[in-house]
Amino acid sequence: MNSAEFKKLLESVSMEQWQAVVNGEALVLVDDERLQLGPTNHNEAIIVANSDNAQSAEELRQSQLDEVDDTLIAFYLTRPLTRNGFTNQVRALVEEHGAAKFGAPEGKQAELTLFVDVAEVVVEDANSPRHRYGAGCELTSSMLMSPEEQVMRWVESGEAYDRYLGMNVCRYNC
């Protein structure tokens, strides 16, 4: 999810929900895709009212719309994308670019790799200095599956997500 998508989510929150946040609930980010009300101590609580950001529902709403980038950065600084959120974004990128471009034989780099910017999975090509640090699927010489099928299995099985977590382990656990 990028800032524009997050802003649209915030704009879709009803005034009744904003008032519930002012009254002590939180907006919780579910699967990096949607917001719902929940307890303030929920691990995925992304917006909690306090004396600095809200005296009323409208003030809270406006302050959050004004601080979309800061809110996303602060939230994802200590939290990885969820597996569902990551996988859904990767599926869309694989569909857009073609699965085969994300796979390469052992010892080679895929034409395209996956990289995460705050809360958005992005594609990096060989022209990007981040390309070699991105995630790609290591293809086997299996006669049973095509490269496309291997990449899709990599995504759907959670291996791609596990690679993302492994690449960012210090970011979230240090």
N, C-alpha and C. Protein backbone atom coordinates (compact mmCIF):
# COMPACT_ATOMS: atom_id res chain seq x y z
N MET A 1 0.84 -1.17 0.00
CA MET A 1 0.00 0.00 0.00
C MET A 1 0.89 1.24 0.00
N ASN A 2 0.56 2.15 -0.86
CA ASN A 2 1.31 3.40 -0.89
C ASN A 2 0.51 4.49 -0.17
N SER A 3 1.08 5.68 -0.09
CA SER A 3 0.43 6.78 0.63
C SER A 3 -0.92 7.14 0.05
N ALA A 4 -1.03 7.16 -1.27
CA ALA A 4 -2.30 7.52 -1.91
C ALA A 4 -3.38 6.48 -1.57
N GLU A 5 -3.01 5.21 -1.57
CA GLU A 5 -3.98 4.17 -1.22
C GLU A 5 -4.40 4.27 0.25
N PHE A 6 -3.43 4.56 1.11
CA PHE A 6 -3.74 4.70 2.52
C PHE A 6 -4.64 5.92 2.75
N LYS A 7 -4.38 6.98 2.03
CA LYS A 7 -5.23 8.18 2.16
C LYS A 7 -6.66 7.86 1.75
N LYS A 8 -6.84 7.08 0.69
CA LYS A 8 -8.19 6.69 0.28
C LYS A 8 -8.88 5.87 1.37
N LEU A 9 -8.11 4.99 2.01
CA LEU A 9 -8.69 4.22 3.13
C LEU A 9 -9.15 5.16 4.23
N LEU A 10 -8.31 6.12 4.58
CA LEU A 10 -8.69 7.07 5.63
C LEU A 10 -9.91 7.89 5.24
N GLU A 11 -9.98 8.27 3.97
CA GLU A 11 -11.13 9.05 3.51
C GLU A 11 -12.42 8.24 3.56
N SER A 12 -12.31 6.93 3.50
CA SER A 12 -13.50 6.07 3.53
C SER A 12 -14.01 5.79 4.95
N VAL A 13 -13.24 6.17 5.95
CA VAL A 13 -13.66 5.97 7.35
C VAL A 13 -14.78 6.94 7.66
N SER A 14 -15.87 6.42 8.21
CA SER A 14 -17.04 7.26 8.51
C SER A 14 -16.75 8.15 9.72
N MET A 15 -17.51 9.21 9.84
CA MET A 15 -17.36 10.11 10.98
C MET A 15 -17.69 9.38 12.29
N GLU A 16 -18.61 8.41 12.22
CA GLU A 16 -18.93 7.61 13.41
C GLU A 16 -17.70 6.80 13.86
N GLN A 17 -16.96 6.27 12.89
CA GLN A 17 -15.74 5.53 13.23
C GLN A 17 -14.67 6.46 13.79
N TRP A 18 -14.52 7.65 13.19
CA TRP A 18 -13.56 8.61 13.73
C TRP A 18 -13.94 8.97 15.17
N GLN A 19 -15.25 9.14 15.43
CA GLN A 19 -15.70 9.46 16.78
C GLN A 19 -15.39 8.32 17.74
N ALA A 20 -15.54 7.08 17.27
CA ALA A 20 -15.21 5.93 18.11
C ALA A 20 -13.72 5.95 18.48
N VAL A 21 -12.87 6.38 17.57
CA VAL A 21 -11.43 6.49 17.86
C VAL A 21 -11.20 7.58 18.91
N VAL A 22 -11.86 8.71 18.75
CA VAL A 22 -11.74 9.78 19.74
C VAL A 22 -12.21 9.28 21.11
N ASN A 23 -13.21 8.40 21.11
CA ASN A 23 -13.78 7.87 22.35
C ASN A 23 -12.97 6.72 22.95
N GLY A 24 -11.86 6.35 22.33
CA GLY A 24 -11.01 5.35 22.95
C GLY A 24 -10.72 4.09 22.16
N GLU A 25 -11.29 3.95 20.98
CA GLU A 25 -10.95 2.80 20.15
C GLU A 25 -9.80 3.19 19.21
N ALA A 26 -9.37 2.25 18.38
CA ALA A 26 -8.29 2.51 17.43
C ALA A 26 -8.74 2.07 16.05
N LEU A 27 -8.09 2.62 15.04
CA LEU A 27 -8.23 2.08 13.69
C LEU A 27 -7.12 1.06 13.53
N VAL A 28 -7.52 -0.15 13.17
CA VAL A 28 -6.61 -1.27 13.02
C VAL A 28 -6.47 -1.58 11.54
N LEU A 29 -5.25 -1.76 11.08
CA LEU A 29 -4.98 -2.10 9.68
C LEU A 29 -5.00 -3.62 9.54
N VAL A 30 -5.90 -4.11 8.72
CA VAL A 30 -6.08 -5.56 8.54
C VAL A 30 -5.49 -5.96 7.19
N ASP A 31 -4.54 -6.90 7.22
CA ASP A 31 -3.90 -7.42 6.02
C ASP A 31 -3.34 -6.34 5.11
N ASP A 32 -2.93 -5.23 5.68
CA ASP A 32 -2.33 -4.13 4.92
C ASP A 32 -3.26 -3.62 3.82
N GLU A 33 -4.57 -3.81 4.01
CA GLU A 33 -5.51 -3.46 2.94
C GLU A 33 -6.77 -2.74 3.39
N ARG A 34 -7.17 -2.91 4.63
CA ARG A 34 -8.42 -2.28 5.07
C ARG A 34 -8.33 -1.89 6.53
N LEU A 35 -9.18 -0.95 6.92
CA LEU A 35 -9.21 -0.47 8.29
C LEU A 35 -10.48 -0.93 8.99
N GLN A 36 -10.35 -1.21 10.27
CA GLN A 36 -11.53 -1.52 11.08
C GLN A 36 -11.26 -1.03 12.50
N LEU A 37 -12.32 -0.86 13.26
CA LEU A 37 -12.16 -0.46 14.65
C LEU A 37 -11.68 -1.64 15.48
N GLY A 38 -10.87 -1.32 16.48
CA GLY A 38 -10.37 -2.35 17.38
C GLY A 38 -9.80 -1.72 18.62
N PRO A 39 -9.25 -2.54 19.50
CA PRO A 39 -8.68 -2.01 20.74
C PRO A 39 -7.36 -1.27 20.49
N THR A 40 -7.07 -0.32 21.33
CA THR A 40 -5.85 0.48 21.16
C THR A 40 -4.58 -0.34 21.38
N ASN A 41 -4.68 -1.47 22.07
CA ASN A 41 -3.49 -2.30 22.30
C ASN A 41 -3.32 -3.38 21.23
N HIS A 42 -4.13 -3.34 20.19
CA HIS A 42 -4.00 -4.31 19.09
C HIS A 42 -2.66 -4.08 18.40
N ASN A 43 -1.98 -5.15 18.04
CA ASN A 43 -0.66 -5.04 17.40
C ASN A 43 -0.70 -4.26 16.09
N GLU A 44 -1.82 -4.27 15.41
CA GLU A 44 -1.93 -3.58 14.12
C GLU A 44 -2.70 -2.26 14.23
N ALA A 45 -2.82 -1.72 15.45
CA ALA A 45 -3.49 -0.43 15.62
C ALA A 45 -2.61 0.64 14.97
N ILE A 46 -3.15 1.29 13.98
CA ILE A 46 -2.36 2.28 13.24
C ILE A 46 -2.73 3.71 13.62
N ILE A 47 -3.97 3.93 14.09
CA ILE A 47 -4.37 5.27 14.50
C ILE A 47 -5.08 5.19 15.84
N VAL A 48 -4.52 5.93 16.79
CA VAL A 48 -5.06 6.03 18.14
C VAL A 48 -5.13 7.51 18.46
N ALA A 49 -6.24 7.93 19.02
CA ALA A 49 -6.38 9.35 19.35
C ALA A 49 -5.61 9.66 20.62
N ASN A 50 -5.07 10.86 20.67
CA ASN A 50 -4.43 11.37 21.88
C ASN A 50 -4.62 12.88 21.92
N SER A 51 -4.22 13.50 22.98
CA SER A 51 -4.45 14.94 23.13
C SER A 51 -3.70 15.76 22.08
N ASP A 52 -2.66 15.20 21.49
CA ASP A 52 -1.90 15.93 20.46
C ASP A 52 -2.58 15.96 19.11
N ASN A 53 -3.40 14.94 18.82
CA ASN A 53 -3.94 14.88 17.46
C ASN A 53 -5.45 15.02 17.36
N ALA A 54 -6.15 15.12 18.50
CA ALA A 54 -7.60 15.19 18.34
C ALA A 54 -8.33 15.72 19.56
N GLN A 55 -9.18 16.63 19.30
CA GLN A 55 -10.17 17.06 20.28
C GLN A 55 -11.55 16.64 19.80
N SER A 56 -11.67 16.44 18.47
CA SER A 56 -12.94 16.02 17.88
C SER A 56 -12.66 15.04 16.74
N ALA A 57 -13.71 14.39 16.30
CA ALA A 57 -13.57 13.43 15.19
C ALA A 57 -13.05 14.13 13.94
N GLU A 58 -13.55 15.31 13.66
CA GLU A 58 -13.12 16.03 12.46
C GLU A 58 -11.65 16.44 12.56
N GLU A 59 -11.21 16.87 13.73
CA GLU A 59 -9.80 17.24 13.91
C GLU A 59 -8.90 16.02 13.73
N LEU A 60 -9.31 14.89 14.29
CA LEU A 60 -8.52 13.67 14.14
C LEU A 60 -8.45 13.26 12.69
N ARG A 61 -9.59 13.27 12.03
CA ARG A 61 -9.64 12.90 10.60
C ARG A 61 -8.68 13.79 9.80
N GLN A 62 -8.79 15.09 9.99
CA GLN A 62 -7.98 16.02 9.22
C GLN A 62 -6.49 15.87 9.54
N SER A 63 -6.16 15.69 10.80
CA SER A 63 -4.75 15.54 11.16
C SER A 63 -4.17 14.27 10.54
N GLN A 64 -4.96 13.21 10.50
CA GLN A 64 -4.47 11.97 9.90
C GLN A 64 -4.35 12.07 8.39
N LEU A 65 -5.27 12.75 7.76
CA LEU A 65 -5.18 12.96 6.31
C LEU A 65 -3.95 13.82 5.97
N ASP A 66 -3.61 14.74 6.85
CA ASP A 66 -2.44 15.59 6.63
C ASP A 66 -1.12 14.86 6.89
N GLU A 67 -1.16 13.76 7.64
CA GLU A 67 0.06 13.07 8.06
C GLU A 67 0.14 11.64 7.52
N VAL A 68 -0.43 11.39 6.37
CA VAL A 68 -0.48 10.04 5.80
C VAL A 68 0.91 9.42 5.71
N ASP A 69 1.86 10.12 5.12
CA ASP A 69 3.21 9.58 4.95
C ASP A 69 3.86 9.26 6.30
N ASP A 70 3.77 10.18 7.23
CA ASP A 70 4.38 9.98 8.54
C ASP A 70 3.76 8.79 9.27
N THR A 71 2.45 8.64 9.16
CA THR A 71 1.77 7.53 9.83
C THR A 71 2.22 6.19 9.26
N LEU A 72 2.27 6.09 7.93
CA LEU A 72 2.71 4.84 7.31
C LEU A 72 4.15 4.51 7.67
N ILE A 73 5.03 5.49 7.59
CA ILE A 73 6.44 5.26 7.89
C ILE A 73 6.60 4.81 9.34
N ALA A 74 5.95 5.48 10.26
CA ALA A 74 6.06 5.13 11.68
C ALA A 74 5.52 3.73 11.94
N PHE A 75 4.41 3.39 11.33
CA PHE A 75 3.80 2.08 11.53
C PHE A 75 4.68 0.96 11.00
N TYR A 76 5.18 1.10 9.79
CA TYR A 76 5.96 0.03 9.16
C TYR A 76 7.44 0.04 9.55
N LEU A 77 7.86 1.01 10.31
CA LEU A 77 9.23 1.03 10.79
C LEU A 77 9.51 -0.18 11.68
N THR A 78 8.49 -0.61 12.41
CA THR A 78 8.67 -1.71 13.35
C THR A 78 7.80 -2.93 13.03
N ARG A 79 7.08 -2.89 11.92
CA ARG A 79 6.21 -4.01 11.56
C ARG A 79 6.42 -4.39 10.10
N PRO A 80 6.51 -5.67 9.84
CA PRO A 80 6.56 -6.10 8.43
C PRO A 80 5.16 -6.09 7.83
N LEU A 81 5.10 -6.13 6.54
CA LEU A 81 3.83 -6.37 5.88
C LEU A 81 3.29 -7.72 6.35
N THR A 82 1.99 -7.88 6.37
CA THR A 82 1.43 -9.18 6.70
C THR A 82 1.63 -10.11 5.51
N ARG A 83 1.55 -11.40 5.75
CA ARG A 83 1.71 -12.34 4.64
C ARG A 83 0.64 -12.10 3.58
N ASN A 84 -0.60 -11.91 3.99
CA ASN A 84 -1.67 -11.66 3.02
C ASN A 84 -1.45 -10.37 2.25
N GLY A 85 -1.08 -9.32 2.95
CA GLY A 85 -0.84 -8.04 2.28
C GLY A 85 0.31 -8.13 1.29
N PHE A 86 1.40 -8.76 1.70
CA PHE A 86 2.56 -8.94 0.82
C PHE A 86 2.18 -9.79 -0.39
N THR A 87 1.56 -10.93 -0.15
CA THR A 87 1.22 -11.86 -1.23
C THR A 87 0.26 -11.24 -2.22
N ASN A 88 -0.72 -10.50 -1.75
CA ASN A 88 -1.66 -9.85 -2.67
C ASN A 88 -0.97 -8.83 -3.57
N GLN A 89 -0.05 -8.07 -3.01
CA GLN A 89 0.69 -7.11 -3.83
C GLN A 89 1.59 -7.82 -4.84
N VAL A 90 2.25 -8.89 -4.41
CA VAL A 90 3.14 -9.62 -5.31
C VAL A 90 2.34 -10.27 -6.44
N ARG A 91 1.20 -10.86 -6.11
CA ARG A 91 0.35 -11.44 -7.17
C ARG A 91 0.04 -10.41 -8.25
N ALA A 92 -0.32 -9.22 -7.84
CA ALA A 92 -0.65 -8.16 -8.81
C ALA A 92 0.57 -7.81 -9.66
N LEU A 93 1.74 -7.73 -9.05
CA LEU A 93 2.95 -7.41 -9.81
C LEU A 93 3.33 -8.53 -10.77
N VAL A 94 3.19 -9.77 -10.33
CA VAL A 94 3.49 -10.92 -11.19
C VAL A 94 2.52 -10.95 -12.37
N GLU A 95 1.26 -10.66 -12.11
CA GLU A 95 0.28 -10.62 -13.20
C GLU A 95 0.62 -9.50 -14.19
N GLU A 96 1.02 -8.37 -13.67
CA GLU A 96 1.35 -7.22 -14.52
C GLU A 96 2.59 -7.45 -15.38
N HIS A 97 3.63 -8.04 -14.80
CA HIS A 97 4.92 -8.15 -15.49
C HIS A 97 5.21 -9.53 -16.07
N GLY A 98 4.47 -10.54 -15.64
CA GLY A 98 4.74 -11.90 -16.09
C GLY A 98 5.59 -12.65 -15.08
N ALA A 99 5.15 -13.83 -14.70
CA ALA A 99 5.81 -14.60 -13.65
C ALA A 99 7.26 -14.93 -13.98
N ALA A 100 7.54 -15.29 -15.22
CA ALA A 100 8.88 -15.75 -15.59
C ALA A 100 9.96 -14.71 -15.32
N LYS A 101 9.61 -13.43 -15.34
CA LYS A 101 10.61 -12.38 -15.12
C LYS A 101 11.11 -12.33 -13.67
N PHE A 102 10.40 -13.00 -12.76
CA PHE A 102 10.80 -12.98 -11.35
C PHE A 102 11.60 -14.21 -10.95
N GLY A 103 11.92 -15.07 -11.91
CA GLY A 103 12.67 -16.28 -11.61
C GLY A 103 13.94 -16.37 -12.42
N ALA A 104 14.95 -17.03 -11.85
CA ALA A 104 16.22 -17.27 -12.54
C ALA A 104 16.87 -18.51 -11.93
N PRO A 105 17.68 -19.21 -12.74
CA PRO A 105 18.39 -20.37 -12.21
C PRO A 105 19.35 -19.98 -11.08
N GLU A 106 19.72 -20.96 -10.28
CA GLU A 106 20.65 -20.73 -9.17
C GLU A 106 21.90 -20.01 -9.66
N GLY A 107 22.31 -19.00 -8.90
CA GLY A 107 23.52 -18.25 -9.23
C GLY A 107 23.28 -17.08 -10.17
N LYS A 108 22.08 -16.95 -10.68
CA LYS A 108 21.75 -15.84 -11.59
C LYS A 108 20.69 -14.97 -10.93
N GLN A 109 20.60 -13.75 -11.39
CA GLN A 109 19.63 -12.80 -10.87
C GLN A 109 18.42 -12.76 -11.81
N ALA A 110 17.24 -12.76 -11.25
CA ALA A 110 16.02 -12.63 -12.05
C ALA A 110 16.01 -11.28 -12.76
N GLU A 111 15.32 -11.22 -13.88
CA GLU A 111 15.20 -9.96 -14.62
C GLU A 111 14.59 -8.87 -13.74
N LEU A 112 13.60 -9.26 -12.94
CA LEU A 112 12.94 -8.33 -12.02
C LEU A 112 13.00 -8.92 -10.61
N THR A 113 13.23 -8.08 -9.62
CA THR A 113 13.20 -8.52 -8.24
C THR A 113 12.20 -7.67 -7.46
N LEU A 114 11.82 -8.17 -6.31
CA LEU A 114 10.85 -7.51 -5.45
C LEU A 114 11.56 -6.81 -4.30
N PHE A 115 11.12 -5.62 -4.01
CA PHE A 115 11.69 -4.82 -2.94
C PHE A 115 10.53 -4.15 -2.23
N VAL A 116 10.65 -3.88 -0.95
CA VAL A 116 9.56 -3.23 -0.21
C VAL A 116 9.99 -1.84 0.19
N ASP A 117 9.18 -0.85 -0.20
CA ASP A 117 9.33 0.54 0.22
C ASP A 117 8.21 0.83 1.20
N VAL A 118 8.53 0.99 2.45
CA VAL A 118 7.60 1.24 3.55
C VAL A 118 6.53 0.15 3.58
N ALA A 119 5.43 0.31 2.84
CA ALA A 119 4.34 -0.67 2.85
C ALA A 119 3.96 -1.11 1.44
N GLU A 120 4.80 -0.81 0.49
CA GLU A 120 4.49 -1.11 -0.90
C GLU A 120 5.56 -2.01 -1.50
N VAL A 121 5.13 -3.12 -2.07
CA VAL A 121 6.04 -4.00 -2.79
C VAL A 121 6.26 -3.40 -4.16
N VAL A 122 7.51 -3.20 -4.53
CA VAL A 122 7.85 -2.59 -5.82
C VAL A 122 8.75 -3.52 -6.61
N VAL A 123 8.78 -3.30 -7.90
CA VAL A 123 9.62 -4.08 -8.81
C VAL A 123 10.88 -3.30 -9.11
N GLU A 124 12.01 -3.99 -9.05
CA GLU A 124 13.30 -3.39 -9.39
C GLU A 124 13.87 -4.15 -10.58
N ASP A 125 14.33 -3.42 -11.61
CA ASP A 125 14.97 -4.08 -12.75
C ASP A 125 16.48 -3.90 -12.66
N ALA A 126 17.19 -4.44 -13.61
CA ALA A 126 18.65 -4.44 -13.57
C ALA A 126 19.25 -3.03 -13.56
N ASN A 127 18.51 -2.02 -13.96
CA ASN A 127 19.01 -0.64 -13.95
C ASN A 127 18.99 -0.02 -12.56
N SER A 128 18.33 -0.65 -11.63
CA SER A 128 18.21 -0.12 -10.27
C SER A 128 19.36 -0.63 -9.40
N PRO A 129 19.95 0.23 -8.60
CA PRO A 129 21.00 -0.24 -7.69
C PRO A 129 20.47 -1.19 -6.62
N ARG A 130 19.15 -1.19 -6.40
CA ARG A 130 18.56 -2.10 -5.40
C ARG A 130 18.22 -3.47 -5.98
N HIS A 131 18.32 -3.61 -7.29
CA HIS A 131 17.91 -4.86 -7.96
C HIS A 131 18.54 -6.09 -7.32
N ARG A 132 19.84 -6.05 -7.10
CA ARG A 132 20.53 -7.23 -6.57
C ARG A 132 20.16 -7.54 -5.13
N TYR A 133 19.55 -6.59 -4.42
CA TYR A 133 19.13 -6.80 -3.04
C TYR A 133 17.66 -7.23 -2.94
N GLY A 134 16.98 -7.27 -4.07
CA GLY A 134 15.58 -7.65 -4.08
C GLY A 134 15.39 -9.16 -4.06
N ALA A 135 14.17 -9.57 -3.87
CA ALA A 135 13.83 -11.00 -3.82
C ALA A 135 13.42 -11.50 -5.19
N GLY A 136 13.96 -12.64 -5.56
CA GLY A 136 13.58 -13.32 -6.79
C GLY A 136 13.50 -14.81 -6.51
N CYS A 137 12.83 -15.53 -7.36
CA CYS A 137 12.66 -16.97 -7.20
C CYS A 137 13.82 -17.72 -7.84
N GLU A 138 14.42 -18.64 -7.09
CA GLU A 138 15.48 -19.48 -7.63
C GLU A 138 14.83 -20.68 -8.32
N LEU A 139 14.97 -20.74 -9.63
CA LEU A 139 14.35 -21.80 -10.42
C LEU A 139 15.19 -23.07 -10.38
N THR A 140 14.50 -24.19 -10.36
CA THR A 140 15.18 -25.48 -10.48
C THR A 140 15.02 -25.96 -11.91
N SER A 141 15.74 -26.98 -12.27
CA SER A 141 15.63 -27.51 -13.63
C SER A 141 14.56 -28.59 -13.71
N SER A 142 13.54 -28.44 -12.90
CA SER A 142 12.45 -29.41 -12.83
C SER A 142 11.72 -29.51 -14.17
N MET A 143 11.51 -30.73 -14.59
CA MET A 143 10.74 -30.96 -15.81
C MET A 143 9.25 -30.96 -15.49
N LEU A 144 8.91 -30.96 -14.21
CA LEU A 144 7.52 -31.05 -13.80
C LEU A 144 6.80 -29.69 -13.80
N MET A 145 7.57 -28.61 -13.61
CA MET A 145 6.95 -27.28 -13.54
C MET A 145 7.69 -26.30 -14.42
N SER A 146 6.90 -25.48 -15.08
CA SER A 146 7.48 -24.41 -15.89
C SER A 146 8.03 -23.32 -14.96
N PRO A 147 8.86 -22.43 -15.47
CA PRO A 147 9.34 -21.31 -14.65
C PRO A 147 8.18 -20.50 -14.06
N GLU A 148 7.15 -20.27 -14.84
CA GLU A 148 5.99 -19.52 -14.36
C GLU A 148 5.33 -20.24 -13.19
N GLU A 149 5.19 -21.56 -13.31
CA GLU A 149 4.58 -22.33 -12.22
C GLU A 149 5.46 -22.31 -10.98
N GLN A 150 6.77 -22.36 -11.16
CA GLN A 150 7.68 -22.31 -10.01
C GLN A 150 7.59 -20.97 -9.29
N VAL A 151 7.50 -19.88 -10.04
CA VAL A 151 7.38 -18.56 -9.42
C VAL A 151 6.06 -18.46 -8.67
N MET A 152 4.98 -18.93 -9.28
CA MET A 152 3.68 -18.86 -8.59
C MET A 152 3.67 -19.73 -7.33
N ARG A 153 4.31 -20.87 -7.37
CA ARG A 153 4.41 -21.72 -6.18
C ARG A 153 5.22 -21.00 -5.10
N TRP A 154 6.29 -20.33 -5.50
CA TRP A 154 7.13 -19.55 -4.60
C TRP A 154 6.31 -18.48 -3.88
N VAL A 155 5.44 -17.81 -4.64
CA VAL A 155 4.60 -16.76 -4.06
C VAL A 155 3.53 -17.38 -3.15
N GLU A 156 2.77 -18.32 -3.68
CA GLU A 156 1.61 -18.88 -2.97
C GLU A 156 1.99 -19.70 -1.75
N SER A 157 3.14 -20.35 -1.76
CA SER A 157 3.55 -21.18 -0.63
C SER A 157 4.06 -20.37 0.56
N GLY A 158 4.31 -19.10 0.33
CA GLY A 158 4.84 -18.25 1.39
C GLY A 158 6.36 -18.13 1.36
N GLU A 159 7.01 -18.81 0.41
CA GLU A 159 8.47 -18.72 0.32
C GLU A 159 8.93 -17.30 0.01
N ALA A 160 8.20 -16.61 -0.86
CA ALA A 160 8.55 -15.23 -1.19
C ALA A 160 8.43 -14.34 0.05
N TYR A 161 7.36 -14.56 0.81
CA TYR A 161 7.17 -13.79 2.04
C TYR A 161 8.27 -14.09 3.05
N ASP A 162 8.60 -15.36 3.19
CA ASP A 162 9.67 -15.73 4.12
C ASP A 162 11.00 -15.09 3.71
N ARG A 163 11.24 -15.00 2.42
CA ARG A 163 12.46 -14.34 1.92
C ARG A 163 12.45 -12.87 2.29
N TYR A 164 11.31 -12.22 2.10
CA TYR A 164 11.17 -10.81 2.48
C TYR A 164 11.46 -10.64 3.97
N LEU A 165 10.88 -11.49 4.82
CA LEU A 165 11.14 -11.38 6.25
C LEU A 165 12.61 -11.62 6.56
N GLY A 166 13.20 -12.63 5.93
CA GLY A 166 14.61 -12.92 6.15
C GLY A 166 15.52 -11.78 5.76
N MET A 167 15.15 -11.09 4.70
CA MET A 167 15.96 -9.97 4.23
C MET A 167 15.84 -8.76 5.16
N ASN A 168 14.78 -8.74 5.96
CA ASN A 168 14.51 -7.59 6.82
C ASN A 168 14.50 -7.95 8.30
N VAL A 169 15.06 -9.11 8.65
CA VAL A 169 14.97 -9.59 10.03
C VAL A 169 15.52 -8.59 11.04
N CYS A 170 16.61 -7.96 10.73
CA CYS A 170 17.19 -7.00 11.67
C CYS A 170 16.32 -5.76 11.77
N ARG A 171 15.72 -5.38 10.70
CA ARG A 171 14.86 -4.20 10.71
C ARG A 171 13.72 -4.34 11.71
N TYR A 172 13.16 -5.53 11.85
CA TYR A 172 12.01 -5.73 12.71
C TYR A 172 12.36 -6.32 14.07
N ASN A 173 13.52 -6.93 14.21
CA ASN A 173 13.82 -7.64 15.45
C ASN A 173 15.05 -7.15 16.18
N CYS A 174 15.69 -6.11 15.70
CA CYS A 174 16.91 -5.64 16.39
C CYS A 174 16.59 -4.52 17.36
